[in-house]
């Protein structure tokens, strides 16, 4: 089985190295020539941490070559690149291929909408995960640290009736993948925006000051976690309005990392993976430019469609826009981009399932 991995950042390099060490045929693609050259100059990717070894990965900037005779396409880019990737891969898709977005950030919906608009009529299986399967960091091109592989991770295809096919294709590689009800569950269970945005914004002064600090361990103080939990409640209320079962962040951390704690604050503090997670040194970071336009903003649009007052979500978006002097709503993904703008809640749920 051949995997094409699109995106050679922290996530893509980690996945490419692990799958290569497991014996699978891998093509790693990215548009950044210097990044690809750096990987190829080393002859592959050195992995340390939870997995160790040297993986002889061949990386490329030629998408057509990367897509040749592939079975599974893993998209590991940020959410902001999903629409560009969908348009780029559409001409090369073949019947029977699996496309997995890791994690979703509404990506399965966005891809299906773009494929439909482009007239792409191949029978492909589009799916997304609720989080990335690896907790990882790239220190340089061709060198990654994998701190953890999540122990249980939900995914869904669009439509969800395709999920069993996707699971069967990937079960040998990722047995921890569990089928969720729909891509709305996986997207709304992506706790990155729920955790990253409040911690980053409420530590903005510290981020822009001299010196390192632990993003979760020191940044997620009790009062900051109060805001996280308020944001979390708006997400869970959306799930109840839609009649779908969403997991609280406390349960997600327990499932991902096997951390047992009575409260979200204690769970964050006890999580060994978070102990060494350093804070960014600038607000020009994916915690702002991915987690807000591709996380919180579509949540606001969907919540308001359901008649929910998204007070905390809107407050954080407005605060971030003030801090970076940019209207983050302008670049955001919208329900119209996902094909959901003209649907009522029952129609949305039926569309995702059928």
C-alpha atoms as a PDB file:
ATOM      1  CA  UNK A   1       0.000   0.000   0.000  1.00  0.00           C
ATOM      2  CA  UNK A   2       1.346   3.393  -1.003  1.00  0.00           C
ATOM      3  CA  UNK A   3       0.797   6.561   1.036  1.00  0.00           C
ATOM      4  CA  UNK A   4       1.116  10.078  -0.319  1.00  0.00           C
ATOM      5  CA  UNK A   5       1.636  12.567   2.509  1.00  0.00           C
ATOM      6  CA  UNK A   6       0.895  16.174   1.620  1.00  0.00           C
ATOM      7  CA  UNK A   7       2.631  18.634   3.914  1.00  0.00           C
ATOM      8  CA  UNK A   8       6.176  18.115   5.204  1.00  0.00           C
ATOM      9  CA  UNK A   9       5.981  20.082   8.428  1.00  0.00           C
ATOM     10  CA  UNK A  10       6.102  18.603  11.939  1.00  0.00           C
ATOM     11  CA  UNK A  11       3.158  16.315  11.241  1.00  0.00           C
ATOM     12  CA  UNK A  12       4.002  15.193   7.725  1.00  0.00           C
ATOM     13  CA  UNK A  13       7.616  14.364   8.482  1.00  0.00           C
ATOM     14  CA  UNK A  14       6.614  12.408  11.593  1.00  0.00           C
ATOM     15  CA  UNK A  15       3.985  10.403   9.716  1.00  0.00           C
ATOM     16  CA  UNK A  16       6.309   9.782   6.745  1.00  0.00           C
ATOM     17  CA  UNK A  17       9.108   8.569   8.997  1.00  0.00           C
ATOM     18  CA  UNK A  18       6.885   6.274  11.050  1.00  0.00           C
ATOM     19  CA  UNK A  19       5.144   4.712   8.031  1.00  0.00           C
ATOM     20  CA  UNK A  20       8.491   4.214   6.277  1.00  0.00           C
ATOM     21  CA  UNK A  21       9.902   2.462   9.334  1.00  0.00           C
ATOM     22  CA  UNK A  22       6.811   0.230   9.300  1.00  0.00           C
ATOM     23  CA  UNK A  23       7.705  -0.795   5.749  1.00  0.00           C
ATOM     24  CA  UNK A  24       5.192   1.181   3.679  1.00  0.00           C
ATOM     25  CA  UNK A  25       5.864   2.932   0.388  1.00  0.00           C
ATOM     26  CA  UNK A  26       5.801   6.701   1.023  1.00  0.00           C
ATOM     27  CA  UNK A  27       5.812   9.853  -1.087  1.00  0.00           C
ATOM     28  CA  UNK A  28       6.219  13.047   0.952  1.00  0.00           C
ATOM     29  CA  UNK A  29       5.176  16.238  -0.852  1.00  0.00           C
ATOM     30  CA  UNK A  30       5.463  19.928  -0.033  1.00  0.00           C
ATOM     31  CA  UNK A  31       5.634  23.171  -2.013  1.00  0.00           C
ATOM     32  CA  UNK A  32       8.577  24.498   0.032  1.00  0.00           C
ATOM     33  CA  UNK A  33      11.657  23.728  -2.018  1.00  0.00           C
ATOM     34  CA  UNK A  34      14.174  24.461   0.755  1.00  0.00           C
ATOM     35  CA  UNK A  35      12.354  22.123   3.129  1.00  0.00           C
ATOM     36  CA  UNK A  36      12.256  19.296   0.598  1.00  0.00           C
ATOM     37  CA  UNK A  37      15.903  19.850  -0.320  1.00  0.00           C
ATOM     38  CA  UNK A  38      16.871  19.688   3.350  1.00  0.00           C
ATOM     39  CA  UNK A  39      15.130  16.327   3.791  1.00  0.00           C
ATOM     40  CA  UNK A  40      16.611  14.879   0.615  1.00  0.00           C
ATOM     41  CA  UNK A  41      20.120  16.105   1.474  1.00  0.00           C
ATOM     42  CA  UNK A  42      19.934  14.027   4.659  1.00  0.00           C
ATOM     43  CA  UNK A  43      18.578  11.076   2.699  1.00  0.00           C
ATOM     44  CA  UNK A  44      15.479  10.872   4.855  1.00  0.00           C
ATOM     45  CA  UNK A  45      14.241  11.635   8.357  1.00  0.00           C
ATOM     46  CA  UNK A  46      15.845  10.931  11.730  1.00  0.00           C
ATOM     47  CA  UNK A  47      13.266  10.135  14.434  1.00  0.00           C
ATOM     48  CA  UNK A  48      13.786  10.270  18.176  1.00  0.00           C
ATOM     49  CA  UNK A  49      11.557   9.968  21.221  1.00  0.00           C
ATOM     50  CA  UNK A  50       8.605   7.566  21.299  1.00  0.00           C
ATOM     51  CA  UNK A  51       9.863   6.082  18.011  1.00  0.00           C
ATOM     52  CA  UNK A  52      13.531   5.959  17.116  1.00  0.00           C
ATOM     53  CA  UNK A  53      15.370   5.296  13.886  1.00  0.00           C
ATOM     54  CA  UNK A  54      16.313   6.668  10.486  1.00  0.00           C
ATOM     55  CA  UNK A  55      13.686   6.521   7.749  1.00  0.00           C
ATOM     56  CA  UNK A  56      14.967   6.767   4.139  1.00  0.00           C
ATOM     57  CA  UNK A  57      12.111   9.006   2.963  1.00  0.00           C
ATOM     58  CA  UNK A  58      12.143  10.480  -0.548  1.00  0.00           C
ATOM     59  CA  UNK A  59      10.522  13.932  -0.594  1.00  0.00           C
ATOM     60  CA  UNK A  60       9.360  15.869  -3.643  1.00  0.00           C
ATOM     61  CA  UNK A  61       7.837  19.141  -4.850  1.00  0.00           C
ATOM     62  CA  UNK A  62       6.303  17.374  -7.872  1.00  0.00           C
ATOM     63  CA  UNK A  63       2.686  16.647  -6.981  1.00  0.00           C
ATOM     64  CA  UNK A  64       1.987  14.515 -10.050  1.00  0.00           C
ATOM     65  CA  UNK A  65       4.881  12.203  -9.159  1.00  0.00           C
ATOM     66  CA  UNK A  66       3.821  12.075  -5.516  1.00  0.00           C
ATOM     67  CA  UNK A  67       0.266  11.080  -6.477  1.00  0.00           C
ATOM     68  CA  UNK A  68       1.262   8.354  -8.920  1.00  0.00           C
ATOM     69  CA  UNK A  69      -0.186   4.906  -8.098  1.00  0.00           C
ATOM     70  CA  UNK A  70      -1.076   5.933  -4.562  1.00  0.00           C
ATOM     71  CA  UNK A  71      -3.708   4.281  -2.389  1.00  0.00           C
ATOM     72  CA  UNK A  72      -4.017   6.695   0.544  1.00  0.00           C
ATOM     73  CA  UNK A  73      -3.552  10.470   0.559  1.00  0.00           C
ATOM     74  CA  UNK A  74      -2.800  11.898   3.997  1.00  0.00           C
ATOM     75  CA  UNK A  75      -3.228  15.678   4.202  1.00  0.00           C
ATOM     76  CA  UNK A  76      -1.204  17.001   7.143  1.00  0.00           C
ATOM     77  CA  UNK A  77      -1.141  20.696   6.255  1.00  0.00           C
ATOM     78  CA  UNK A  78      -2.738  23.420   8.346  1.00  0.00           C
ATOM     79  CA  UNK A  79      -6.437  24.052   7.815  1.00  0.00           C
ATOM     80  CA  UNK A  80      -5.648  27.201   5.832  1.00  0.00           C
ATOM     81  CA  UNK A  81      -4.154  25.048   3.038  1.00  0.00           C
ATOM     82  CA  UNK A  82      -6.999  22.537   2.699  1.00  0.00           C
ATOM     83  CA  UNK A  83      -8.839  24.310  -0.117  1.00  0.00           C
ATOM     84  CA  UNK A  84      -5.580  24.798  -2.071  1.00  0.00           C
ATOM     85  CA  UNK A  85      -4.641  21.146  -1.610  1.00  0.00           C
ATOM     86  CA  UNK A  86      -8.112  19.950  -2.659  1.00  0.00           C
ATOM     87  CA  UNK A  87      -7.909  21.908  -5.915  1.00  0.00           C
ATOM     88  CA  UNK A  88      -4.355  20.721  -6.568  1.00  0.00           C
ATOM     89  CA  UNK A  89      -4.972  16.984  -6.076  1.00  0.00           C
ATOM     90  CA  UNK A  90      -8.350  16.819  -7.844  1.00  0.00           C
ATOM     91  CA  UNK A  91      -6.909  16.233 -11.367  1.00  0.00           C
ATOM     92  CA  UNK A  92      -4.835  13.278 -10.146  1.00  0.00           C
ATOM     93  CA  UNK A  93      -7.454  11.416  -8.122  1.00  0.00           C
ATOM     94  CA  UNK A  94      -8.442   7.869  -9.048  1.00  0.00           C
ATOM     95  CA  UNK A  95     -11.343   5.625  -8.087  1.00  0.00           C
ATOM     96  CA  UNK A  96     -10.956   3.876  -4.750  1.00  0.00           C
ATOM     97  CA  UNK A  97      -8.429   6.213  -3.155  1.00  0.00           C
ATOM     98  CA  UNK A  98      -8.741   7.276   0.492  1.00  0.00           C
ATOM     99  CA  UNK A  99      -8.159  10.918   1.428  1.00  0.00           C
ATOM    100  CA  UNK A 100      -7.618  11.525   5.154  1.00  0.00           C
ATOM    101  CA  UNK A 101      -7.288  15.027   6.587  1.00  0.00           C
ATOM    102  CA  UNK A 102      -5.325  15.031   9.840  1.00  0.00           C
ATOM    103  CA  UNK A 103      -6.947  16.765  11.656  1.00  0.00           C
ATOM    104  CA  UNK A 104     -10.120  17.931   9.957  1.00  0.00           C
ATOM    105  CA  UNK A 105     -10.664  21.627  10.706  1.00  0.00           C
ATOM    106  CA  UNK A 106     -13.864  21.250   8.585  1.00  0.00           C
ATOM    107  CA  UNK A 107     -11.592  19.904   5.840  1.00  0.00           C
ATOM    108  CA  UNK A 108     -13.672  16.943   4.655  1.00  0.00           C
ATOM    109  CA  UNK A 109     -16.624  19.250   4.033  1.00  0.00           C
ATOM    110  CA  UNK A 110     -14.400  21.778   2.290  1.00  0.00           C
ATOM    111  CA  UNK A 111     -12.813  19.121   0.060  1.00  0.00           C
ATOM    112  CA  UNK A 112     -16.162  17.619  -0.948  1.00  0.00           C
ATOM    113  CA  UNK A 113     -17.499  21.083  -1.778  1.00  0.00           C
ATOM    114  CA  UNK A 114     -14.460  21.904  -3.928  1.00  0.00           C
ATOM    115  CA  UNK A 115     -14.496  18.519  -5.686  1.00  0.00           C
ATOM    116  CA  UNK A 116     -18.177  19.037  -6.513  1.00  0.00           C
ATOM    117  CA  UNK A 117     -17.549  22.550  -7.858  1.00  0.00           C
ATOM    118  CA  UNK A 118     -14.677  21.261 -10.013  1.00  0.00           C
ATOM    119  CA  UNK A 119     -16.737  18.406 -11.417  1.00  0.00           C
ATOM    120  CA  UNK A 120     -14.393  15.780  -9.959  1.00  0.00           C
ATOM    121  CA  UNK A 121     -16.413  12.559 -10.356  1.00  0.00           C
ATOM    122  CA  UNK A 122     -13.981   9.869  -9.183  1.00  0.00           C
ATOM    123  CA  UNK A 123     -15.213   7.579  -6.401  1.00  0.00           C
ATOM    124  CA  UNK A 124     -12.881   8.577  -3.570  1.00  0.00           C
ATOM    125  CA  UNK A 125     -13.345   8.243   0.175  1.00  0.00           C
ATOM    126  CA  UNK A 126     -12.856  11.529   2.032  1.00  0.00           C
ATOM    127  CA  UNK A 127     -12.375  11.369   5.804  1.00  0.00           C
ATOM    128  CA  UNK A 128     -10.912  13.372   8.666  1.00  0.00           C
ATOM    129  CA  UNK A 129      -9.618  12.788  12.198  1.00  0.00           C
ATOM    130  CA  UNK A 130     -10.504  14.775  15.297  1.00  0.00           C
ATOM    131  CA  UNK A 131      -6.818  15.372  16.105  1.00  0.00           C
ATOM    132  CA  UNK A 132      -3.420  14.536  14.677  1.00  0.00           C
ATOM    133  CA  UNK A 133      -2.326  11.052  15.599  1.00  0.00           C
ATOM    134  CA  UNK A 134       1.223  12.070  16.587  1.00  0.00           C
ATOM    135  CA  UNK A 135       2.316  14.577  19.198  1.00  0.00           C
ATOM    136  CA  UNK A 136       5.480  15.712  17.504  1.00  0.00           C
ATOM    137  CA  UNK A 137       7.922  18.466  16.657  1.00  0.00           C
ATOM    138  CA  UNK A 138      10.398  18.991  13.842  1.00  0.00           C
ATOM    139  CA  UNK A 139      13.673  20.540  14.990  1.00  0.00           C
ATOM    140  CA  UNK A 140      15.045  20.793  11.441  1.00  0.00           C
ATOM    141  CA  UNK A 141      14.292  19.391   7.976  1.00  0.00           C
ATOM    142  CA  UNK A 142      14.860  15.654   8.257  1.00  0.00           C
ATOM    143  CA  UNK A 143      14.768  15.531  12.073  1.00  0.00           C
ATOM    144  CA  UNK A 144      11.638  14.982  14.189  1.00  0.00           C
ATOM    145  CA  UNK A 145      10.787  14.215  17.779  1.00  0.00           C
ATOM    146  CA  UNK A 146       7.676  12.086  18.338  1.00  0.00           C
ATOM    147  CA  UNK A 147       6.588  12.418  21.943  1.00  0.00           C
ATOM    148  CA  UNK A 148       3.455  10.312  21.736  1.00  0.00           C
ATOM    149  CA  UNK A 149       1.153   8.411  19.384  1.00  0.00           C
ATOM    150  CA  UNK A 150      -2.444   8.910  20.503  1.00  0.00           C
ATOM    151  CA  UNK A 151      -3.955   5.729  21.853  1.00  0.00           C
ATOM    152  CA  UNK A 152      -7.532   6.214  20.650  1.00  0.00           C
ATOM    153  CA  UNK A 153      -8.580   8.600  17.914  1.00  0.00           C
ATOM    154  CA  UNK A 154     -11.960   9.104  16.257  1.00  0.00           C
ATOM    155  CA  UNK A 155     -12.449   9.750  12.560  1.00  0.00           C
ATOM    156  CA  UNK A 156     -15.329   9.939  10.120  1.00  0.00           C
ATOM    157  CA  UNK A 157     -15.789   9.854   6.386  1.00  0.00           C
ATOM    158  CA  UNK A 158     -18.102  12.118   4.410  1.00  0.00           C
ATOM    159  CA  UNK A 159     -20.615  10.605   3.994  1.00  0.00           C
ATOM    160  CA  UNK A 160     -20.304   8.670   7.227  1.00  0.00           C
ATOM    161  CA  UNK A 161     -21.562   5.545   5.444  1.00  0.00           C
ATOM    162  CA  UNK A 162     -18.045   5.326   3.930  1.00  0.00           C
ATOM    163  CA  UNK A 163     -16.351   5.194   7.346  1.00  0.00           C
ATOM    164  CA  UNK A 164     -16.251   1.400   7.559  1.00  0.00           C
ATOM    165  CA  UNK A 165     -14.400   1.225   4.222  1.00  0.00           C
ATOM    166  CA  UNK A 166     -11.812   3.769   5.381  1.00  0.00           C
ATOM    167  CA  UNK A 167     -11.324   1.972   8.695  1.00  0.00           C
ATOM    168  CA  UNK A 168     -10.777  -1.336   6.906  1.00  0.00           C
ATOM    169  CA  UNK A 169      -8.117   0.241   4.668  1.00  0.00           C
ATOM    170  CA  UNK A 170      -6.204   1.840   7.561  1.00  0.00           C
ATOM    171  CA  UNK A 171      -6.761  -0.621  10.420  1.00  0.00           C
ATOM    172  CA  UNK A 172      -3.445  -2.405   9.882  1.00  0.00           C
ATOM    173  CA  UNK A 173      -1.519   0.869  10.143  1.00  0.00           C
ATOM    174  CA  UNK A 174      -3.641   2.720  12.701  1.00  0.00           C
ATOM    175  CA  UNK A 175      -5.698   0.234  14.735  1.00  0.00           C
ATOM    176  CA  UNK A 176      -6.517   3.009  17.235  1.00  0.00           C
ATOM    177  CA  UNK A 177      -8.838   4.736  14.737  1.00  0.00           C
ATOM    178  CA  UNK A 178     -12.471   4.567  15.903  1.00  0.00           C
ATOM    179  CA  UNK A 179     -15.507   5.542  13.832  1.00  0.00           C
ATOM    180  CA  UNK A 180     -17.332   8.715  14.912  1.00  0.00           C
ATOM    181  CA  UNK A 181     -20.897   9.607  14.014  1.00  0.00           C
ATOM    182  CA  UNK A 182     -20.019  12.148  11.327  1.00  0.00           C
ATOM    183  CA  UNK A 183     -17.420  14.720  10.312  1.00  0.00           C
ATOM    184  CA  UNK A 184     -19.319  17.238  12.414  1.00  0.00           C
ATOM    185  CA  UNK A 185     -18.335  15.170  15.461  1.00  0.00           C
ATOM    186  CA  UNK A 186     -14.680  14.981  14.433  1.00  0.00           C
ATOM    187  CA  UNK A 187     -14.473  18.672  13.557  1.00  0.00           C
ATOM    188  CA  UNK A 188     -16.186  19.853  16.745  1.00  0.00           C
ATOM    189  CA  UNK A 189     -14.157  17.379  18.819  1.00  0.00           C
ATOM    190  CA  UNK A 190     -10.956  19.022  17.577  1.00  0.00           C
ATOM    191  CA  UNK A 191      -9.941  20.574  20.892  1.00  0.00           C
ATOM    192  CA  UNK A 192      -7.004  22.548  19.444  1.00  0.00           C
ATOM    193  CA  UNK A 193      -9.011  25.788  19.079  1.00  0.00           C
ATOM    194  CA  UNK A 194     -10.606  25.266  22.503  1.00  0.00           C
ATOM    195  CA  UNK A 195      -7.236  24.922  24.249  1.00  0.00           C
ATOM    196  CA  UNK A 196      -4.811  26.918  22.111  1.00  0.00           C
ATOM    197  CA  UNK A 197      -6.709  30.161  21.587  1.00  0.00           C
ATOM    198  CA  UNK A 198      -7.519  31.123  25.204  1.00  0.00           C
ATOM    199  CA  UNK A 199      -4.071  30.112  26.470  1.00  0.00           C
ATOM    200  CA  UNK A 200      -2.286  32.034  23.698  1.00  0.00           C
ATOM    201  CA  UNK A 201      -4.387  35.202  23.967  1.00  0.00           C
ATOM    202  CA  UNK A 202      -4.336  35.374  27.762  1.00  0.00           C
ATOM    203  CA  UNK A 203      -0.546  34.931  27.724  1.00  0.00           C
ATOM    204  CA  UNK A 204       0.080  37.368  24.849  1.00  0.00           C
ATOM    205  CA  UNK A 205       2.314  39.635  26.920  1.00  0.00           C
ATOM    206  CA  UNK A 206       4.405  36.723  28.079  1.00  0.00           C
ATOM    207  CA  UNK A 207       4.670  35.285  24.566  1.00  0.00           C
ATOM    208  CA  UNK A 208       6.033  38.582  23.260  1.00  0.00           C
ATOM    209  CA  UNK A 209       8.475  39.022  26.150  1.00  0.00           C
ATOM    210  CA  UNK A 210      11.968  37.581  26.469  1.00  0.00           C
ATOM    211  CA  UNK A 211      12.351  34.052  27.776  1.00  0.00           C
ATOM    212  CA  UNK A 212      10.751  30.674  27.263  1.00  0.00           C
ATOM    213  CA  UNK A 213       7.860  29.204  29.196  1.00  0.00           C
ATOM    214  CA  UNK A 214       5.843  25.998  29.070  1.00  0.00           C
ATOM    215  CA  UNK A 215       2.706  26.773  27.056  1.00  0.00           C
ATOM    216  CA  UNK A 216       0.336  24.357  28.795  1.00  0.00           C
ATOM    217  CA  UNK A 217       2.067  23.794  32.108  1.00  0.00           C
ATOM    218  CA  UNK A 218       2.588  27.482  32.946  1.00  0.00           C
ATOM    219  CA  UNK A 219       0.162  29.191  30.561  1.00  0.00           C
ATOM    220  CA  UNK A 220      -2.945  27.188  31.493  1.00  0.00           C
ATOM    221  CA  UNK A 221      -3.448  28.692  34.961  1.00  0.00           C
ATOM    222  CA  UNK A 222      -6.743  28.104  36.815  1.00  0.00           C
ATOM    223  CA  UNK A 223      -8.266  31.397  35.607  1.00  0.00           C
ATOM    224  CA  UNK A 224      -7.190  30.739  32.006  1.00  0.00           C
ATOM    225  CA  UNK A 225      -8.754  27.276  32.182  1.00  0.00           C
ATOM    226  CA  UNK A 226     -11.976  28.973  33.355  1.00  0.00           C
ATOM    227  CA  UNK A 227     -12.116  30.652  29.928  1.00  0.00           C
ATOM    228  CA  UNK A 228     -11.281  27.355  28.199  1.00  0.00           C
ATOM    229  CA  UNK A 229     -14.194  25.723  29.996  1.00  0.00           C
ATOM    230  CA  UNK A 230     -16.576  28.547  29.027  1.00  0.00           C
ATOM    231  CA  UNK A 231     -15.574  28.117  25.388  1.00  0.00           C
ATOM    232  CA  UNK A 232     -15.944  24.378  25.816  1.00  0.00           C
ATOM    233  CA  UNK A 233     -19.545  24.788  26.994  1.00  0.00           C
ATOM    234  CA  UNK A 234     -20.507  26.642  23.822  1.00  0.00           C
ATOM    235  CA  UNK A 235     -19.104  23.742  21.785  1.00  0.00           C
ATOM    236  CA  UNK A 236     -20.985  21.132  23.815  1.00  0.00           C
ATOM    237  CA  UNK A 237     -24.260  23.087  23.585  1.00  0.00           C
ATOM    238  CA  UNK A 238     -23.890  23.030  19.791  1.00  0.00           C
ATOM    239  CA  UNK A 239     -23.641  19.257  19.918  1.00  0.00           C
ATOM    240  CA  UNK A 240     -26.832  18.985  21.966  1.00  0.00           C
ATOM    241  CA  UNK A 241     -28.702  21.236  19.535  1.00  0.00           C
ATOM    242  CA  UNK A 242     -27.573  19.045  16.635  1.00  0.00           C
ATOM    243  CA  UNK A 243     -28.311  15.803  18.474  1.00  0.00           C
ATOM    244  CA  UNK A 244     -24.724  14.574  18.159  1.00  0.00           C
ATOM    245  CA  UNK A 245     -22.497  13.248  20.932  1.00  0.00           C
ATOM    246  CA  UNK A 246     -19.417  15.380  21.500  1.00  0.00           C
ATOM    247  CA  UNK A 247     -16.674  14.536  23.985  1.00  0.00           C
ATOM    248  CA  UNK A 248     -15.692  17.049  26.689  1.00  0.00           C
ATOM    249  CA  UNK A 249     -12.043  18.095  26.521  1.00  0.00           C
ATOM    250  CA  UNK A 250     -11.378  16.231  29.764  1.00  0.00           C
ATOM    251  CA  UNK A 251     -12.543  12.986  28.120  1.00  0.00           C
ATOM    252  CA  UNK A 252     -10.554  13.710  24.963  1.00  0.00           C
ATOM    253  CA  UNK A 253      -7.310  14.133  26.920  1.00  0.00           C
ATOM    254  CA  UNK A 254      -8.073  10.946  28.820  1.00  0.00           C
ATOM    255  CA  UNK A 255      -8.665   9.076  25.557  1.00  0.00           C
ATOM    256  CA  UNK A 256      -5.662  10.516  23.716  1.00  0.00           C
ATOM    257  CA  UNK A 257      -3.076  10.341  26.485  1.00  0.00           C
ATOM    258  CA  UNK A 258      -4.517   8.058  29.209  1.00  0.00           C
ATOM    259  CA  UNK A 259      -4.369  10.919  31.715  1.00  0.00           C
ATOM    260  CA  UNK A 260      -6.739  10.416  34.651  1.00  0.00           C
ATOM    261  CA  UNK A 261      -7.785  13.592  36.452  1.00  0.00           C
ATOM    262  CA  UNK A 262     -10.927  15.010  38.050  1.00  0.00           C
ATOM    263  CA  UNK A 263     -10.751  18.430  36.370  1.00  0.00           C
ATOM    264  CA  UNK A 264      -9.543  19.848  33.076  1.00  0.00           C
ATOM    265  CA  UNK A 265      -6.951  22.001  34.855  1.00  0.00           C
ATOM    266  CA  UNK A 266      -5.462  18.979  36.616  1.00  0.00           C
ATOM    267  CA  UNK A 267      -5.562  16.935  33.411  1.00  0.00           C
ATOM    268  CA  UNK A 268      -3.543  19.587  31.563  1.00  0.00           C
ATOM    269  CA  UNK A 269      -1.040  19.807  34.417  1.00  0.00           C
ATOM    270  CA  UNK A 270      -0.637  16.017  34.674  1.00  0.00           C
ATOM    271  CA  UNK A 271      -0.299  15.317  30.965  1.00  0.00           C
ATOM    272  CA  UNK A 272       3.356  14.283  30.455  1.00  0.00           C
ATOM    273  CA  UNK A 273       3.223  15.262  26.779  1.00  0.00           C
ATOM    274  CA  UNK A 274       2.443  18.856  27.763  1.00  0.00           C
ATOM    275  CA  UNK A 275       5.344  19.128  30.217  1.00  0.00           C
ATOM    276  CA  UNK A 276       7.911  20.122  27.591  1.00  0.00           C
ATOM    277  CA  UNK A 277       5.626  21.954  25.137  1.00  0.00           C
ATOM    278  CA  UNK A 278       7.191  25.401  24.778  1.00  0.00           C
ATOM    279  CA  UNK A 279       5.083  28.462  24.037  1.00  0.00           C
ATOM    280  CA  UNK A 280       5.431  30.197  20.675  1.00  0.00           C
ATOM    281  CA  UNK A 281       7.554  33.347  20.660  1.00  0.00           C
ATOM    282  CA  UNK A 282       5.117  35.339  18.515  1.00  0.00           C
ATOM    283  CA  UNK A 283       1.381  35.640  17.962  1.00  0.00           C
ATOM    284  CA  UNK A 284       2.035  35.085  14.255  1.00  0.00           C
ATOM    285  CA  UNK A 285       1.393  31.420  14.890  1.00  0.00           C
ATOM    286  CA  UNK A 286      -1.054  28.692  13.948  1.00  0.00           C
ATOM    287  CA  UNK A 287      -2.684  29.001  17.397  1.00  0.00           C
ATOM    288  CA  UNK A 288      -4.088  32.280  16.053  1.00  0.00           C
ATOM    289  CA  UNK A 289      -4.065  32.004  12.267  1.00  0.00           C
ATOM    290  CA  UNK A 290      -5.360  28.415  12.049  1.00  0.00           C
ATOM    291  CA  UNK A 291      -7.353  27.871  15.224  1.00  0.00           C
ATOM    292  CA  UNK A 292      -9.454  31.026  14.839  1.00  0.00           C
ATOM    293  CA  UNK A 293     -10.309  31.244  11.103  1.00  0.00           C
ATOM    294  CA  UNK A 294     -10.600  27.457  10.694  1.00  0.00           C
ATOM    295  CA  UNK A 295     -11.743  26.569  14.209  1.00  0.00           C
ATOM    296  CA  UNK A 296     -13.633  29.190  16.170  1.00  0.00           C
ATOM    297  CA  UNK A 297     -15.153  31.237  13.353  1.00  0.00           C
ATOM    298  CA  UNK A 298     -17.066  28.396  11.626  1.00  0.00           C
ATOM    299  CA  UNK A 299     -18.204  27.355  15.116  1.00  0.00           C
ATOM    300  CA  UNK A 300     -19.674  30.838  15.548  1.00  0.00           C
ATOM    301  CA  UNK A 301     -21.488  30.666  12.220  1.00  0.00           C
ATOM    302  CA  UNK A 302     -22.920  27.229  12.997  1.00  0.00           C
ATOM    303  CA  UNK A 303     -23.787  28.190  16.572  1.00  0.00           C
ATOM    304  CA  UNK A 304     -25.643  31.306  15.474  1.00  0.00           C
ATOM    305  CA  UNK A 305     -27.494  29.249  12.856  1.00  0.00           C
ATOM    306  CA  UNK A 306     -28.654  27.061  15.758  1.00  0.00           C
ATOM    307  CA  UNK A 307     -29.720  30.089  17.797  1.00  0.00           C
ATOM    308  CA  UNK A 308     -26.870  29.816  20.320  1.00  0.00           C
ATOM    309  CA  UNK A 309     -25.308  32.975  21.754  1.00  0.00           C
ATOM    310  CA  UNK A 310     -21.576  32.350  21.104  1.00  0.00           C
ATOM    311  CA  UNK A 311     -20.402  35.000  23.569  1.00  0.00           C
ATOM    312  CA  UNK A 312     -17.016  33.558  24.534  1.00  0.00           C
ATOM    313  CA  UNK A 313     -16.159  32.451  21.014  1.00  0.00           C
ATOM    314  CA  UNK A 314     -16.905  35.884  19.573  1.00  0.00           C
ATOM    315  CA  UNK A 315     -15.036  37.615  22.388  1.00  0.00           C
ATOM    316  CA  UNK A 316     -11.850  35.644  21.713  1.00  0.00           C
ATOM    317  CA  UNK A 317     -12.030  36.247  17.961  1.00  0.00           C
ATOM    318  CA  UNK A 318     -12.461  39.985  18.536  1.00  0.00           C
ATOM    319  CA  UNK A 319      -9.626  40.076  21.087  1.00  0.00           C
ATOM    320  CA  UNK A 320      -7.270  38.249  18.742  1.00  0.00           C
ATOM    321  CA  UNK A 321      -8.176  40.572  15.864  1.00  0.00           C
ATOM    322  CA  UNK A 322      -7.338  43.572  18.046  1.00  0.00           C
ATOM    323  CA  UNK A 323      -4.021  42.087  19.152  1.00  0.00           C
ATOM    324  CA  UNK A 324      -2.788  41.294  15.645  1.00  0.00           C
ATOM    325  CA  UNK A 325      -4.474  44.351  14.045  1.00  0.00           C
ATOM    326  CA  UNK A 326      -6.227  42.187  11.474  1.00  0.00           C
ATOM    327  CA  UNK A 327      -9.836  41.096  10.983  1.00  0.00           C
ATOM    328  CA  UNK A 328      -9.426  37.342  11.374  1.00  0.00           C
ATOM    329  CA  UNK A 329     -13.006  36.789  10.217  1.00  0.00           C
ATOM    330  CA  UNK A 330     -12.111  37.957   6.704  1.00  0.00           C
ATOM    331  CA  UNK A 331      -9.866  34.952   6.026  1.00  0.00           C
ATOM    332  CA  UNK A 332     -12.126  32.450   7.807  1.00  0.00           C
ATOM    333  CA  UNK A 333     -13.832  29.409   6.349  1.00  0.00           C
ATOM    334  CA  UNK A 334     -17.599  29.910   6.180  1.00  0.00           C
ATOM    335  CA  UNK A 335     -20.619  27.629   6.093  1.00  0.00           C
ATOM    336  CA  UNK A 336     -21.069  28.620   2.445  1.00  0.00           C
ATOM    337  CA  UNK A 337     -17.586  27.178   1.737  1.00  0.00           C
ATOM    338  CA  UNK A 338     -18.738  23.902   3.262  1.00  0.00           C
ATOM    339  CA  UNK A 339     -22.043  23.631   1.426  1.00  0.00           C
ATOM    340  CA  UNK A 340     -24.054  24.041   4.640  1.00  0.00           C
ATOM    341  CA  UNK A 341     -25.256  27.650   4.467  1.00  0.00           C
ATOM    342  CA  UNK A 342     -28.738  26.878   3.112  1.00  0.00           C
ATOM    343  CA  UNK A 343     -29.408  23.794   5.251  1.00  0.00           C
ATOM    344  CA  UNK A 344     -31.337  23.601   8.498  1.00  0.00           C
ATOM    345  CA  UNK A 345     -29.888  21.503  11.368  1.00  0.00           C
ATOM    346  CA  UNK A 346     -31.780  18.333  10.395  1.00  0.00           C
ATOM    347  CA  UNK A 347     -30.646  18.673   6.787  1.00  0.00           C
ATOM    348  CA  UNK A 348     -27.031  19.173   7.905  1.00  0.00           C
ATOM    349  CA  UNK A 349     -27.038  15.979   9.979  1.00  0.00           C
ATOM    350  CA  UNK A 350     -28.721  13.988   7.193  1.00  0.00           C
ATOM    351  CA  UNK A 351     -26.262  15.289   4.577  1.00  0.00           C
ATOM    352  CA  UNK A 352     -23.247  14.293   6.669  1.00  0.00           C
ATOM    353  CA  UNK A 353     -24.598  10.802   7.260  1.00  0.00           C
ATOM    354  CA  UNK A 354     -26.017  10.002   3.836  1.00  0.00           C
END
